[in-house]
Amino acid sequence: MFRLEISKPALRVLRRSPANVAALIRAKLDELAIDPTAARRNVKPLRGRAGFRLRIGDWRVIYELDHEQRRLLVLDIGPRGDIYDR
């Protein structure tokens, strides 16, 4: 199991999101932290930079894995069309 760490910008998005969306994203992140290396259809590596993206409906979560410290660092959360321009 990896330790889940959420950056301040991502946490701000979660707090401003509707409660049902925030709960769904948090549940998916908790599930991902259990075994982030398991094969999943909604996770893909990013192009042009390190990290991965997790698709949750119309929302995207950008994260990195630190295998040495066993942590999953959530960098950003946002709607599909907006998240990659940040």
C-alpha atoms as a PDB file:
ATOM      1  CA  MET A   1       0.000   0.000   0.000  1.00  0.00           C
ATOM      2  CA  PHE A   2       1.243   3.447  -0.916  1.00  0.00           C
ATOM      3  CA  ARG A   3       0.776   6.542   1.260  1.00  0.00           C
ATOM      4  CA  LEU A   4      -1.561   9.008  -0.435  1.00  0.00           C
ATOM      5  CA  GLU A   5      -0.369  12.632  -0.493  1.00  0.00           C
ATOM      6  CA  ILE A   6      -2.490  15.345  -2.092  1.00  0.00           C
ATOM      7  CA  SER A   7      -0.949  18.660  -3.137  1.00  0.00           C
ATOM      8  CA  LYS A   8      -2.498  21.947  -2.027  1.00  0.00           C
ATOM      9  CA  PRO A   9      -3.883  22.827  -5.493  1.00  0.00           C
ATOM     10  CA  ALA A  10      -5.476  19.376  -5.819  1.00  0.00           C
ATOM     11  CA  LEU A  11      -6.908  19.582  -2.310  1.00  0.00           C
ATOM     12  CA  ARG A  12      -8.386  22.988  -3.133  1.00  0.00           C
ATOM     13  CA  VAL A  13     -10.150  21.501  -6.174  1.00  0.00           C
ATOM     14  CA  LEU A  14     -11.541  18.659  -4.053  1.00  0.00           C
ATOM     15  CA  ARG A  15     -12.900  21.095  -1.478  1.00  0.00           C
ATOM     16  CA  ARG A  16     -14.602  23.231  -4.137  1.00  0.00           C
ATOM     17  CA  SER A  17     -16.092  20.269  -6.011  1.00  0.00           C
ATOM     18  CA  PRO A  18     -19.611  19.012  -5.381  1.00  0.00           C
ATOM     19  CA  ALA A  19     -19.697  16.574  -2.472  1.00  0.00           C
ATOM     20  CA  ASN A  20     -20.611  13.559  -4.611  1.00  0.00           C
ATOM     21  CA  VAL A  21     -17.759  14.230  -7.077  1.00  0.00           C
ATOM     22  CA  ALA A  22     -15.224  14.767  -4.287  1.00  0.00           C
ATOM     23  CA  ALA A  23     -16.328  11.550  -2.567  1.00  0.00           C
ATOM     24  CA  LEU A  24     -16.019   9.572  -5.804  1.00  0.00           C
ATOM     25  CA  ILE A  25     -12.542  10.965  -6.539  1.00  0.00           C
ATOM     26  CA  ARG A  26     -11.389  10.279  -2.984  1.00  0.00           C
ATOM     27  CA  ALA A  27     -12.711   6.699  -3.126  1.00  0.00           C
ATOM     28  CA  LYS A  28     -10.905   6.051  -6.425  1.00  0.00           C
ATOM     29  CA  LEU A  29      -7.671   7.508  -5.026  1.00  0.00           C
ATOM     30  CA  ASP A  30      -7.913   5.307  -1.933  1.00  0.00           C
ATOM     31  CA  GLU A  31      -8.462   2.291  -4.196  1.00  0.00           C
ATOM     32  CA  LEU A  32      -5.492   3.285  -6.366  1.00  0.00           C
ATOM     33  CA  ALA A  33      -3.219   3.698  -3.331  1.00  0.00           C
ATOM     34  CA  ILE A  34      -3.746   0.071  -2.346  1.00  0.00           C
ATOM     35  CA  ASP A  35      -1.949  -1.167  -5.483  1.00  0.00           C
ATOM     36  CA  PRO A  36      -1.041   1.585  -7.971  1.00  0.00           C
ATOM     37  CA  THR A  37       0.901  -0.798 -10.229  1.00  0.00           C
ATOM     38  CA  ALA A  38      -2.099  -3.074 -10.932  1.00  0.00           C
ATOM     39  CA  ALA A  39      -3.352  -2.981 -14.509  1.00  0.00           C
ATOM     40  CA  ARG A  40      -6.235  -0.532 -14.905  1.00  0.00           C
ATOM     41  CA  ARG A  41      -7.907   0.691 -18.060  1.00  0.00           C
ATOM     42  CA  ASN A  42      -8.457   4.202 -16.714  1.00  0.00           C
ATOM     43  CA  VAL A  43      -4.775   4.883 -15.889  1.00  0.00           C
ATOM     44  CA  LYS A  44      -2.283   5.958 -18.549  1.00  0.00           C
ATOM     45  CA  PRO A  45       1.235   7.388 -18.442  1.00  0.00           C
ATOM     46  CA  LEU A  46       1.515  11.054 -19.385  1.00  0.00           C
ATOM     47  CA  ARG A  47       3.236  12.091 -22.585  1.00  0.00           C
ATOM     48  CA  GLY A  48       6.006  14.652 -22.422  1.00  0.00           C
ATOM     49  CA  ARG A  49       6.435  14.524 -18.644  1.00  0.00           C
ATOM     50  CA  ALA A  50       6.681  12.087 -15.781  1.00  0.00           C
ATOM     51  CA  GLY A  51       3.559  10.829 -14.093  1.00  0.00           C
ATOM     52  CA  PHE A  52       0.202   9.267 -14.792  1.00  0.00           C
ATOM     53  CA  ARG A  53      -3.393  10.290 -15.262  1.00  0.00           C
ATOM     54  CA  LEU A  54      -6.398   8.648 -13.672  1.00  0.00           C
ATOM     55  CA  ARG A  55      -9.713   9.058 -15.491  1.00  0.00           C
ATOM     56  CA  ILE A  56     -12.809   9.354 -13.292  1.00  0.00           C
ATOM     57  CA  GLY A  57     -15.726  10.194 -15.574  1.00  0.00           C
ATOM     58  CA  ASP A  58     -15.109  13.717 -16.910  1.00  0.00           C
ATOM     59  CA  TRP A  59     -12.470  14.372 -14.228  1.00  0.00           C
ATOM     60  CA  ARG A  60      -8.743  13.690 -14.433  1.00  0.00           C
ATOM     61  CA  VAL A  61      -6.221  13.184 -11.640  1.00  0.00           C
ATOM     62  CA  ILE A  62      -2.537  13.777 -12.409  1.00  0.00           C
ATOM     63  CA  TYR A  63      -0.205  11.895 -10.084  1.00  0.00           C
ATOM     64  CA  GLU A  64       3.302  10.538  -9.645  1.00  0.00           C
ATOM     65  CA  LEU A  65       4.558   7.420  -7.879  1.00  0.00           C
ATOM     66  CA  ASP A  66       7.551   7.368  -5.567  1.00  0.00           C
ATOM     67  CA  HIS A  67       8.454   3.697  -5.219  1.00  0.00           C
ATOM     68  CA  GLU A  68      11.312   4.289  -2.791  1.00  0.00           C
ATOM     69  CA  GLN A  69       9.135   6.055  -0.204  1.00  0.00           C
ATOM     70  CA  ARG A  70       5.985   4.147  -1.280  1.00  0.00           C
ATOM     71  CA  ARG A  71       3.895   7.255  -1.801  1.00  0.00           C
ATOM     72  CA  LEU A  72       1.366   8.336  -4.395  1.00  0.00           C
ATOM     73  CA  LEU A  73       1.566  12.102  -4.889  1.00  0.00           C
ATOM     74  CA  VAL A  74      -1.553  13.705  -6.399  1.00  0.00           C
ATOM     75  CA  LEU A  75      -0.380  16.789  -8.295  1.00  0.00           C
ATOM     76  CA  ASP A  76      -3.589  18.118  -9.817  1.00  0.00           C
ATOM     77  CA  ILE A  77      -7.288  17.367 -10.256  1.00  0.00           C
ATOM     78  CA  GLY A  78      -9.542  18.942 -12.838  1.00  0.00           C
ATOM     79  CA  PRO A  79     -12.082  18.575 -15.631  1.00  0.00           C
ATOM     80  CA  ARG A  80     -10.999  16.681 -18.735  1.00  0.00           C
ATOM     81  CA  GLY A  81     -10.498  19.625 -21.084  1.00  0.00           C
ATOM     82  CA  ASP A  82      -8.763  21.899 -18.601  1.00  0.00           C
ATOM     83  CA  ILE A  83      -6.329  19.702 -16.689  1.00  0.00           C
ATOM     84  CA  TYR A  84      -3.612  19.311 -19.327  1.00  0.00           C
ATOM     85  CA  ASP A  85      -3.196  23.057 -19.970  1.00  0.00           C
ATOM     86  CA  ARG A  86      -2.023  23.801 -16.427  1.00  0.00           C
END
